[in-house]
Protein backbone atom coordinates (compact mmCIF):
# COMPACT_ATOMS: atom_id res chain seq x y z
CA UNK A 1 -3.19 12.94 -2.94
CA UNK A 2 -4.57 9.62 -2.54
CA UNK A 3 -5.53 8.38 1.20
CA UNK A 4 -2.37 6.13 2.70
CA UNK A 5 -2.53 2.49 2.89
CA UNK A 6 -4.27 2.50 -1.17
CA UNK A 7 -4.11 -0.89 -1.90
CA UNK A 8 -4.13 -1.67 -5.86
CA UNK A 9 -5.08 -5.40 -6.97
CA UNK A 10 -5.82 -7.86 -9.99
CA UNK A 11 -5.94 -11.12 -10.53
CA UNK A 12 -7.49 -11.85 -6.82
CA UNK A 13 -3.78 -10.47 -6.15
CA UNK A 14 -3.71 -6.63 -4.18
CA UNK A 15 -0.27 -4.74 -2.80
CA UNK A 16 -0.27 -1.57 -0.66
CA UNK A 17 1.35 1.85 -0.86
CA UNK A 18 2.25 3.01 2.22
CA UNK A 19 3.33 6.93 3.07
CA UNK A 20 6.46 7.37 4.03
CA UNK A 21 6.98 8.52 8.13
CA UNK A 22 9.26 9.92 10.38
CA UNK A 23 11.36 5.97 10.80
CA UNK A 24 10.19 5.39 7.22
CA UNK A 25 11.13 7.94 4.82
CA UNK A 26 10.29 6.93 1.60
CA UNK A 27 7.37 5.19 0.13
CA UNK A 28 7.03 1.50 0.05
CA UNK A 29 5.33 -1.48 -0.97
CA UNK A 30 4.20 -4.40 0.87
CA UNK A 31 2.95 -7.17 -1.75
CA UNK A 32 3.45 -11.09 -0.51
CA UNK A 33 4.89 -13.82 -3.60
CA UNK A 34 4.55 -17.11 -1.88
CA UNK A 35 4.99 -16.37 1.33
CA UNK A 36 7.70 -14.13 1.32
CA UNK A 37 6.84 -10.01 2.04
CA UNK A 38 8.18 -7.86 -0.17
CA UNK A 39 8.56 -3.76 1.22
CA UNK A 40 10.46 -1.95 -1.78
CA UNK A 41 11.07 1.43 -1.07
CA UNK A 42 10.58 4.58 -3.33
CA UNK A 43 11.33 8.19 -3.36
CA UNK A 44 7.84 9.65 -4.97
CA UNK A 45 4.87 8.67 -5.64
CA UNK A 46 4.56 8.12 -9.04
CA UNK A 47 7.81 5.52 -9.06
CA UNK A 48 5.93 3.22 -5.98
CA UNK A 49 2.82 3.74 -8.45
CA UNK A 50 4.10 2.37 -11.06
CA UNK A 51 6.22 0.03 -9.30
CA UNK A 52 3.35 -1.75 -7.45
CA UNK A 53 1.28 -1.92 -11.20
CA UNK A 54 4.17 -3.41 -12.59
CA UNK A 55 3.53 -6.41 -9.93
CA UNK A 56 0.28 -6.97 -10.24
CA UNK A 57 0.92 -6.56 -13.94
CA UNK A 58 3.71 -10.58 -13.66
CA UNK A 59 1.39 -11.70 -10.08
CA UNK A 60 -2.04 -11.96 -12.22
CA UNK A 61 -0.06 -13.45 -15.70
CA UNK A 62 1.78 -15.65 -13.12
CA UNK A 63 5.31 -14.21 -13.13
CA UNK A 64 5.71 -14.67 -9.73
CA UNK A 65 9.35 -13.78 -10.01
CA UNK A 66 8.98 -11.45 -12.86
CA UNK A 67 7.17 -10.38 -9.78
CA UNK A 68 9.72 -10.73 -6.98
CA UNK A 69 12.40 -8.45 -9.49
CA UNK A 70 13.54 -5.17 -8.90
CA UNK A 71 12.64 -2.54 -11.79
CA UNK A 72 15.88 -2.00 -13.18
CA UNK A 73 17.32 1.68 -11.41
CA UNK A 74 16.05 0.23 -7.95
CA UNK A 75 18.77 0.18 -5.01
CA UNK A 76 18.06 -3.38 -4.38
CA UNK A 77 18.57 -5.14 -7.65
CA UNK A 78 20.72 -7.73 -7.78
CA UNK A 79 21.07 -8.45 -4.57
CA UNK A 80 20.00 -11.90 -3.17
CA UNK A 81 17.21 -11.92 -0.21
CA UNK A 82 17.58 -14.77 1.50
């Protein structure tokens, strides 16, 4: 198991993965897009790591909208953030 928080970076962008705690019992990502903070949560480290890689790829290639979309099957997919 890696040390937490784990930071993954690509192309000048970074995503942190935090381990579960008592108050937040799931792995969570932490990243910002255009000044807006996102913290989606995941049941397993592997899912969090997969989403972190996807988000970084989207950001590194200039697709900020894609980085704000949660992967299919995510519980928050379809919600509108204001």
